[in-house]
Amino acid sequence: MHSYHRPRLCVIVGTSGAGKSFVENRLLRAFPNLVRAVSTTTRAPRPGEREGRDYNFVTPESFQQMCEAGEMAEWASYDGHSYGTVRASIQNPLIASDVVKVVDTVGADAIRNIWPNCWTVFIDTPSILEQEQRLHDRGNSAVEIARRMNHAQTIERPWAFHRSREESLRIHEGLPRRFHIVYSIVKELTVRDVARAFGLSTDELPKPKLHSSRPSLLQAPYYKRARSPVGQPRRIDHA
């Protein structure tokens, strides 16, 4: 039996404290066919972390060799340790499954250069004050909070506006609502792929019946797509 769903890569980007991992974990629970692209790092495992689930842990020498061999899709260094995404961690599962990847803005650009048809979600906190409170609740120092908030204001939020492409969204709602929006988007992309396979429009397909806590974009106006000329940045306003 043929499958008419074309696997998609979903890249999640966002500010510190926005809930990127929360959304990723909820999506992984909701979609059995969704695979998480696990990052590779040179730092030592923290308590509770497992090899292959949270990170792939390698030596600095191995990491450098992978970079020189062109095996890395993107990489960066933080606090003396290297972090990156091995190309195969996305390419291999993407043959048959949907893939989700949480990454920073620089990494997102690198991944989008390799997989230009990937779909990107930028997640932000509802307000700057809430971001500060979330970072404080996580135990970050005042210096670290200031650094992360400055990075969000000068790098991440401008990126969300000026790198926006077709099928990219900027979401700044509460965590539960944020998950429902992303869930609906993934469901709609699946419907689009089925429609494309049969040469139909989404209007000709039956509406998906979902649990009330997981509304579909085809059922509820969770956001409005703001159209703009090709190549111009777009902002998404919520209904």
C-alpha atoms as a PDB file:
ATOM      1  CA  MET A   1       0.000   0.000   0.000  1.00  0.00           C
ATOM      2  CA  HIS A   2       1.421   3.360  -1.040  1.00  0.00           C
ATOM      3  CA  SER A   3       1.834   6.243   1.404  1.00  0.00           C
ATOM      4  CA  TYR A   4       0.745   9.617   0.057  1.00  0.00           C
ATOM      5  CA  HIS A   5       2.277  11.675   2.840  1.00  0.00           C
ATOM      6  CA  ARG A   6       5.530  13.369   1.843  1.00  0.00           C
ATOM      7  CA  PRO A   7       7.880  13.524   4.869  1.00  0.00           C
ATOM      8  CA  ARG A   8       8.566  17.069   6.048  1.00  0.00           C
ATOM      9  CA  LEU A   9      11.268  18.698   8.165  1.00  0.00           C
ATOM     10  CA  CYS A  10       9.960  21.089  10.806  1.00  0.00           C
ATOM     11  CA  VAL A  11      12.540  23.452  12.340  1.00  0.00           C
ATOM     12  CA  ILE A  12      11.644  25.078  15.667  1.00  0.00           C
ATOM     13  CA  VAL A  13      13.454  28.303  16.562  1.00  0.00           C
ATOM     14  CA  GLY A  14      12.751  30.677  19.432  1.00  0.00           C
ATOM     15  CA  THR A  15      13.868  32.907  22.237  1.00  0.00           C
ATOM     16  CA  SER A  16      15.205  31.595  25.546  1.00  0.00           C
ATOM     17  CA  GLY A  17      12.331  30.605  27.797  1.00  0.00           C
ATOM     18  CA  ALA A  18       9.802  30.438  24.963  1.00  0.00           C
ATOM     19  CA  GLY A  19       9.110  26.723  25.376  1.00  0.00           C
ATOM     20  CA  LYS A  20      10.793  25.200  22.314  1.00  0.00           C
ATOM     21  CA  SER A  21      11.516  21.875  24.018  1.00  0.00           C
ATOM     22  CA  PHE A  22       7.986  21.786  25.470  1.00  0.00           C
ATOM     23  CA  VAL A  23       6.463  22.096  22.002  1.00  0.00           C
ATOM     24  CA  GLU A  24       8.901  19.572  20.528  1.00  0.00           C
ATOM     25  CA  ASN A  25       8.189  16.980  23.224  1.00  0.00           C
ATOM     26  CA  ARG A  26       4.432  17.407  22.903  1.00  0.00           C
ATOM     27  CA  LEU A  27       4.602  17.020  19.137  1.00  0.00           C
ATOM     28  CA  LEU A  28       6.674  13.857  19.485  1.00  0.00           C
ATOM     29  CA  ARG A  29       4.010  12.418  21.793  1.00  0.00           C
ATOM     30  CA  ALA A  30       1.196  13.459  19.446  1.00  0.00           C
ATOM     31  CA  PHE A  31       2.679  12.215  16.159  1.00  0.00           C
ATOM     32  CA  PRO A  32       4.024   8.612  16.172  1.00  0.00           C
ATOM     33  CA  ASN A  33       5.684   9.130  12.780  1.00  0.00           C
ATOM     34  CA  LEU A  34       7.602  12.210  13.931  1.00  0.00           C
ATOM     35  CA  VAL A  35      11.343  11.756  14.602  1.00  0.00           C
ATOM     36  CA  ARG A  36      13.527  14.099  16.650  1.00  0.00           C
ATOM     37  CA  ALA A  37      16.873  14.982  15.107  1.00  0.00           C
ATOM     38  CA  VAL A  38      19.247  14.555  18.056  1.00  0.00           C
ATOM     39  CA  SER A  39      22.088  17.046  18.409  1.00  0.00           C
ATOM     40  CA  THR A  40      25.739  16.081  18.882  1.00  0.00           C
ATOM     41  CA  THR A  41      27.896  17.697  21.575  1.00  0.00           C
ATOM     42  CA  THR A  42      31.349  17.522  23.088  1.00  0.00           C
ATOM     43  CA  ARG A  43      30.228  18.245  26.654  1.00  0.00           C
ATOM     44  CA  ALA A  44      29.783  15.520  29.250  1.00  0.00           C
ATOM     45  CA  PRO A  45      26.301  14.108  29.925  1.00  0.00           C
ATOM     46  CA  ARG A  46      24.343  15.798  32.704  1.00  0.00           C
ATOM     47  CA  PRO A  47      22.429  13.783  35.331  1.00  0.00           C
ATOM     48  CA  GLY A  48      19.466  12.055  33.702  1.00  0.00           C
ATOM     49  CA  GLU A  49      20.664  12.558  30.123  1.00  0.00           C
ATOM     50  CA  ARG A  50      20.914   9.523  27.867  1.00  0.00           C
ATOM     51  CA  GLU A  51      23.101   8.897  24.852  1.00  0.00           C
ATOM     52  CA  GLY A  52      21.061   9.001  21.657  1.00  0.00           C
ATOM     53  CA  ARG A  53      17.962  10.388  23.345  1.00  0.00           C
ATOM     54  CA  ASP A  54      19.067  13.786  24.632  1.00  0.00           C
ATOM     55  CA  TYR A  55      22.371  14.165  22.773  1.00  0.00           C
ATOM     56  CA  ASN A  56      24.985  12.181  20.940  1.00  0.00           C
ATOM     57  CA  PHE A  57      28.090  12.666  23.086  1.00  0.00           C
ATOM     58  CA  VAL A  58      31.445  12.663  21.295  1.00  0.00           C
ATOM     59  CA  THR A  59      35.006  13.778  21.958  1.00  0.00           C
ATOM     60  CA  PRO A  60      36.227  17.165  20.665  1.00  0.00           C
ATOM     61  CA  GLU A  61      38.496  15.294  18.262  1.00  0.00           C
ATOM     62  CA  SER A  62      35.593  13.296  16.803  1.00  0.00           C
ATOM     63  CA  PHE A  63      33.480  16.432  16.491  1.00  0.00           C
ATOM     64  CA  GLN A  64      36.248  18.224  14.618  1.00  0.00           C
ATOM     65  CA  GLN A  65      36.690  15.269  12.272  1.00  0.00           C
ATOM     66  CA  MET A  66      32.954  15.265  11.475  1.00  0.00           C
ATOM     67  CA  CYS A  67      33.081  18.988  10.682  1.00  0.00           C
ATOM     68  CA  GLU A  68      36.094  18.574   8.402  1.00  0.00           C
ATOM     69  CA  ALA A  69      34.428  15.629   6.642  1.00  0.00           C
ATOM     70  CA  GLY A  70      31.330  17.713   5.900  1.00  0.00           C
ATOM     71  CA  GLU A  71      29.118  15.526   8.052  1.00  0.00           C
ATOM     72  CA  MET A  72      27.705  18.447  10.055  1.00  0.00           C
ATOM     73  CA  ALA A  73      24.691  20.402   8.815  1.00  0.00           C
ATOM     74  CA  GLU A  74      25.370  23.142  11.366  1.00  0.00           C
ATOM     75  CA  TRP A  75      27.490  23.634  14.477  1.00  0.00           C
ATOM     76  CA  ALA A  76      28.447  26.220  17.065  1.00  0.00           C
ATOM     77  CA  SER A  77      30.382  26.583  20.322  1.00  0.00           C
ATOM     78  CA  TYR A  78      28.960  27.613  23.706  1.00  0.00           C
ATOM     79  CA  ASP A  79      30.799  27.848  27.017  1.00  0.00           C
ATOM     80  CA  GLY A  80      33.786  25.941  25.665  1.00  0.00           C
ATOM     81  CA  HIS A  81      31.757  23.058  24.195  1.00  0.00           C
ATOM     82  CA  SER A  82      30.695  22.316  20.631  1.00  0.00           C
ATOM     83  CA  TYR A  83      27.138  21.532  19.558  1.00  0.00           C
ATOM     84  CA  GLY A  84      25.899  20.561  16.123  1.00  0.00           C
ATOM     85  CA  THR A  85      23.540  18.602  13.907  1.00  0.00           C
ATOM     86  CA  VAL A  86      24.870  15.681  11.892  1.00  0.00           C
ATOM     87  CA  ARG A  87      23.360  15.688   8.399  1.00  0.00           C
ATOM     88  CA  ALA A  88      22.449  12.008   8.660  1.00  0.00           C
ATOM     89  CA  SER A  89      20.360  12.660  11.799  1.00  0.00           C
ATOM     90  CA  ILE A  90      17.934  14.550   9.551  1.00  0.00           C
ATOM     91  CA  GLN A  91      18.488  12.994   6.124  1.00  0.00           C
ATOM     92  CA  ASN A  92      18.140   9.339   7.113  1.00  0.00           C
ATOM     93  CA  PRO A  93      14.820   9.496   9.008  1.00  0.00           C
ATOM     94  CA  LEU A  94      13.466  12.035   6.486  1.00  0.00           C
ATOM     95  CA  ILE A  95      13.315   9.257   3.893  1.00  0.00           C
ATOM     96  CA  ALA A  96      10.242   7.787   5.562  1.00  0.00           C
ATOM     97  CA  SER A  97       9.304   9.983   8.531  1.00  0.00           C
ATOM     98  CA  ASP A  98       8.593  13.574   9.484  1.00  0.00           C
ATOM     99  CA  VAL A  99      11.499  15.143  11.376  1.00  0.00           C
ATOM    100  CA  VAL A 100      11.525  17.938  13.982  1.00  0.00           C
ATOM    101  CA  LYS A 101      14.622  19.897  14.960  1.00  0.00           C
ATOM    102  CA  VAL A 102      15.083  22.599  17.616  1.00  0.00           C
ATOM    103  CA  VAL A 103      17.970  24.909  16.751  1.00  0.00           C
ATOM    104  CA  ASP A 104      19.153  28.512  17.053  1.00  0.00           C
ATOM    105  CA  THR A 105      18.783  31.129  14.325  1.00  0.00           C
ATOM    106  CA  VAL A 106      22.219  30.541  12.778  1.00  0.00           C
ATOM    107  CA  GLY A 107      21.647  26.802  12.727  1.00  0.00           C
ATOM    108  CA  ALA A 108      18.192  27.293  11.220  1.00  0.00           C
ATOM    109  CA  ASP A 109      19.646  29.268   8.315  1.00  0.00           C
ATOM    110  CA  ALA A 110      22.239  26.548   7.694  1.00  0.00           C
ATOM    111  CA  ILE A 111      19.593  23.822   7.754  1.00  0.00           C
ATOM    112  CA  ARG A 112      17.281  25.790   5.475  1.00  0.00           C
ATOM    113  CA  ASN A 113      20.127  26.143   2.973  1.00  0.00           C
ATOM    114  CA  ILE A 114      20.445  22.354   2.836  1.00  0.00           C
ATOM    115  CA  TRP A 115      16.716  21.574   3.010  1.00  0.00           C
ATOM    116  CA  PRO A 116      15.057  24.634   1.446  1.00  0.00           C
ATOM    117  CA  ASN A 117      11.612  23.052   1.636  1.00  0.00           C
ATOM    118  CA  CYS A 118      11.756  22.680   5.405  1.00  0.00           C
ATOM    119  CA  TRP A 119       9.092  24.472   7.393  1.00  0.00           C
ATOM    120  CA  THR A 120      10.037  26.853  10.216  1.00  0.00           C
ATOM    121  CA  VAL A 121       8.255  27.934  13.380  1.00  0.00           C
ATOM    122  CA  PHE A 122       9.586  30.775  15.531  1.00  0.00           C
ATOM    123  CA  ILE A 123       8.287  30.682  19.098  1.00  0.00           C
ATOM    124  CA  ASP A 124       8.435  33.707  21.384  1.00  0.00           C
ATOM    125  CA  THR A 125       7.256  34.549  24.889  1.00  0.00           C
ATOM    126  CA  PRO A 126       4.039  36.596  25.164  1.00  0.00           C
ATOM    127  CA  SER A 127       6.021  39.509  26.608  1.00  0.00           C
ATOM    128  CA  ILE A 128       9.550  40.561  27.568  1.00  0.00           C
ATOM    129  CA  LEU A 129       8.549  40.606  31.231  1.00  0.00           C
ATOM    130  CA  GLU A 130       7.352  37.012  31.023  1.00  0.00           C
ATOM    131  CA  GLN A 131      10.595  35.983  29.337  1.00  0.00           C
ATOM    132  CA  GLU A 132      12.576  37.560  32.177  1.00  0.00           C
ATOM    133  CA  GLN A 133      10.421  35.767  34.748  1.00  0.00           C
ATOM    134  CA  ARG A 134      10.804  32.384  33.045  1.00  0.00           C
ATOM    135  CA  LEU A 135      14.583  32.737  32.862  1.00  0.00           C
ATOM    136  CA  HIS A 136      14.644  33.735  36.524  1.00  0.00           C
ATOM    137  CA  ASP A 137      12.500  30.707  37.449  1.00  0.00           C
ATOM    138  CA  ARG A 138      15.013  28.474  35.677  1.00  0.00           C
ATOM    139  CA  GLY A 139      17.737  29.649  38.048  1.00  0.00           C
ATOM    140  CA  ASN A 140      19.714  31.809  35.619  1.00  0.00           C
ATOM    141  CA  SER A 141      21.896  34.536  37.103  1.00  0.00           C
ATOM    142  CA  ALA A 142      21.090  38.200  36.517  1.00  0.00           C
ATOM    143  CA  VAL A 143      24.042  38.462  34.137  1.00  0.00           C
ATOM    144  CA  GLU A 144      22.906  35.428  32.145  1.00  0.00           C
ATOM    145  CA  ILE A 145      19.311  36.683  32.010  1.00  0.00           C
ATOM    146  CA  ALA A 146      20.486  40.037  30.675  1.00  0.00           C
ATOM    147  CA  ARG A 147      22.649  38.313  28.057  1.00  0.00           C
ATOM    148  CA  ARG A 148      19.861  36.042  26.848  1.00  0.00           C
ATOM    149  CA  MET A 149      17.287  38.819  26.719  1.00  0.00           C
ATOM    150  CA  ASN A 150      19.653  41.082  24.801  1.00  0.00           C
ATOM    151  CA  HIS A 151      20.334  38.253  22.342  1.00  0.00           C
ATOM    152  CA  ALA A 152      16.603  37.739  21.884  1.00  0.00           C
ATOM    153  CA  GLN A 153      16.006  41.429  21.227  1.00  0.00           C
ATOM    154  CA  THR A 154      18.956  42.072  18.918  1.00  0.00           C
ATOM    155  CA  ILE A 155      19.342  38.731  17.111  1.00  0.00           C
ATOM    156  CA  GLU A 156      16.422  36.320  17.461  1.00  0.00           C
ATOM    157  CA  ARG A 157      13.369  38.575  17.105  1.00  0.00           C
ATOM    158  CA  PRO A 158      14.809  40.488  14.115  1.00  0.00           C
ATOM    159  CA  TRP A 159      15.591  37.114  12.526  1.00  0.00           C
ATOM    160  CA  ALA A 160      11.954  36.089  12.932  1.00  0.00           C
ATOM    161  CA  PHE A 161      10.803  39.125  10.978  1.00  0.00           C
ATOM    162  CA  HIS A 162      13.439  39.267   8.250  1.00  0.00           C
ATOM    163  CA  ARG A 163      13.948  35.533   7.558  1.00  0.00           C
ATOM    164  CA  SER A 164      10.264  34.726   7.339  1.00  0.00           C
ATOM    165  CA  ARG A 165       9.358  32.629   4.297  1.00  0.00           C
ATOM    166  CA  GLU A 166       6.344  30.782   2.994  1.00  0.00           C
ATOM    167  CA  GLU A 167       5.127  28.320   5.623  1.00  0.00           C
ATOM    168  CA  SER A 168       6.924  30.155   8.432  1.00  0.00           C
ATOM    169  CA  LEU A 169       5.119  31.466  11.473  1.00  0.00           C
ATOM    170  CA  ARG A 170       5.879  33.685  14.432  1.00  0.00           C
ATOM    171  CA  ILE A 171       3.974  32.536  17.507  1.00  0.00           C
ATOM    172  CA  HIS A 172       3.860  34.398  20.805  1.00  0.00           C
ATOM    173  CA  GLU A 173       1.084  32.808  22.829  1.00  0.00           C
ATOM    174  CA  GLY A 174       0.960  30.842  26.070  1.00  0.00           C
ATOM    175  CA  LEU A 175       2.493  27.361  26.045  1.00  0.00           C
ATOM    176  CA  PRO A 176      -0.683  25.239  25.729  1.00  0.00           C
ATOM    177  CA  ARG A 177      -2.075  27.451  22.956  1.00  0.00           C
ATOM    178  CA  ARG A 178       1.338  27.463  21.297  1.00  0.00           C
ATOM    179  CA  PHE A 179       1.345  23.678  21.103  1.00  0.00           C
ATOM    180  CA  HIS A 180      -2.181  23.571  19.674  1.00  0.00           C
ATOM    181  CA  ILE A 181      -1.174  26.002  16.921  1.00  0.00           C
ATOM    182  CA  VAL A 182       1.890  23.962  15.929  1.00  0.00           C
ATOM    183  CA  TYR A 183      -0.101  20.723  16.161  1.00  0.00           C
ATOM    184  CA  SER A 184      -2.701  22.157  13.810  1.00  0.00           C
ATOM    185  CA  ILE A 185      -0.018  23.283  11.371  1.00  0.00           C
ATOM    186  CA  VAL A 186       1.505  19.808  11.176  1.00  0.00           C
ATOM    187  CA  LYS A 187      -1.943  18.306  10.627  1.00  0.00           C
ATOM    188  CA  GLU A 188      -2.649  20.782   7.835  1.00  0.00           C
ATOM    189  CA  LEU A 189       0.656  20.036   6.112  1.00  0.00           C
ATOM    190  CA  THR A 190      -0.307  16.354   6.068  1.00  0.00           C
ATOM    191  CA  VAL A 191      -3.675  17.190   4.513  1.00  0.00           C
ATOM    192  CA  ARG A 192      -1.955  19.380   1.913  1.00  0.00           C
ATOM    193  CA  ASP A 193       0.370  16.539   0.911  1.00  0.00           C
ATOM    194  CA  VAL A 194      -2.544  14.121   0.487  1.00  0.00           C
ATOM    195  CA  ALA A 195      -4.406  16.704  -1.588  1.00  0.00           C
ATOM    196  CA  ARG A 196      -1.345  17.302  -3.765  1.00  0.00           C
ATOM    197  CA  ALA A 197      -0.936  13.559  -4.393  1.00  0.00           C
ATOM    198  CA  PHE A 198      -4.503  13.311  -5.736  1.00  0.00           C
ATOM    199  CA  GLY A 199      -4.488  16.667  -7.511  1.00  0.00           C
ATOM    200  CA  LEU A 200      -7.159  18.044  -5.169  1.00  0.00           C
ATOM    201  CA  SER A 201      -7.551  21.216  -3.152  1.00  0.00           C
ATOM    202  CA  THR A 202      -7.960  21.015   0.627  1.00  0.00           C
ATOM    203  CA  ASP A 203     -11.573  22.155   0.205  1.00  0.00           C
ATOM    204  CA  GLU A 204     -12.321  18.888  -1.601  1.00  0.00           C
ATOM    205  CA  LEU A 205     -11.058  16.734   1.258  1.00  0.00           C
ATOM    206  CA  PRO A 206     -13.085  15.758   4.325  1.00  0.00           C
ATOM    207  CA  LYS A 207     -12.347  17.855   7.396  1.00  0.00           C
ATOM    208  CA  PRO A 208     -10.169  15.932   9.916  1.00  0.00           C
ATOM    209  CA  LYS A 209     -11.946  14.989  13.124  1.00  0.00           C
ATOM    210  CA  LEU A 210      -9.642  15.832  16.021  1.00  0.00           C
ATOM    211  CA  HIS A 211     -10.015  15.958  19.773  1.00  0.00           C
ATOM    212  CA  SER A 212     -11.430  19.290  20.907  1.00  0.00           C
ATOM    213  CA  SER A 213      -8.162  20.207  22.634  1.00  0.00           C
ATOM    214  CA  ARG A 214      -6.293  19.782  19.352  1.00  0.00           C
ATOM    215  CA  PRO A 215      -8.221  21.857  16.777  1.00  0.00           C
ATOM    216  CA  SER A 216      -7.127  21.873  13.166  1.00  0.00           C
ATOM    217  CA  LEU A 217      -6.323  24.935  11.125  1.00  0.00           C
ATOM    218  CA  LEU A 218      -9.090  23.706   8.842  1.00  0.00           C
ATOM    219  CA  GLN A 219     -11.541  23.951  11.756  1.00  0.00           C
ATOM    220  CA  ALA A 220     -10.423  26.906  13.882  1.00  0.00           C
ATOM    221  CA  PRO A 221      -8.945  30.322  12.958  1.00  0.00           C
ATOM    222  CA  TYR A 222      -5.961  30.138  15.295  1.00  0.00           C
ATOM    223  CA  TYR A 223      -3.951  32.452  13.121  1.00  0.00           C
ATOM    224  CA  LYS A 224      -4.305  34.469   9.918  1.00  0.00           C
ATOM    225  CA  ARG A 225      -1.750  34.165   7.174  1.00  0.00           C
ATOM    226  CA  ALA A 226      -0.507  37.637   6.331  1.00  0.00           C
ATOM    227  CA  ARG A 227       0.261  37.807   2.615  1.00  0.00           C
ATOM    228  CA  SER A 228       2.960  40.091   1.295  1.00  0.00           C
ATOM    229  CA  PRO A 229       4.970  40.436  -1.933  1.00  0.00           C
ATOM    230  CA  VAL A 230       7.433  37.635  -2.661  1.00  0.00           C
ATOM    231  CA  GLY A 231      10.687  38.133  -0.795  1.00  0.00           C
ATOM    232  CA  GLN A 232       9.209  40.571   1.720  1.00  0.00           C
ATOM    233  CA  PRO A 233       9.092  39.746   5.462  1.00  0.00           C
ATOM    234  CA  ARG A 234       5.727  38.751   6.822  1.00  0.00           C
ATOM    235  CA  ARG A 235       4.253  38.990  10.299  1.00  0.00           C
ATOM    236  CA  ILE A 236       1.550  36.651  11.487  1.00  0.00           C
ATOM    237  CA  ASP A 237      -1.284  38.218  13.459  1.00  0.00           C
ATOM    238  CA  HIS A 238      -3.430  36.007  15.613  1.00  0.00           C
ATOM    239  CA  ALA A 239      -7.185  35.855  15.443  1.00  0.00           C
END
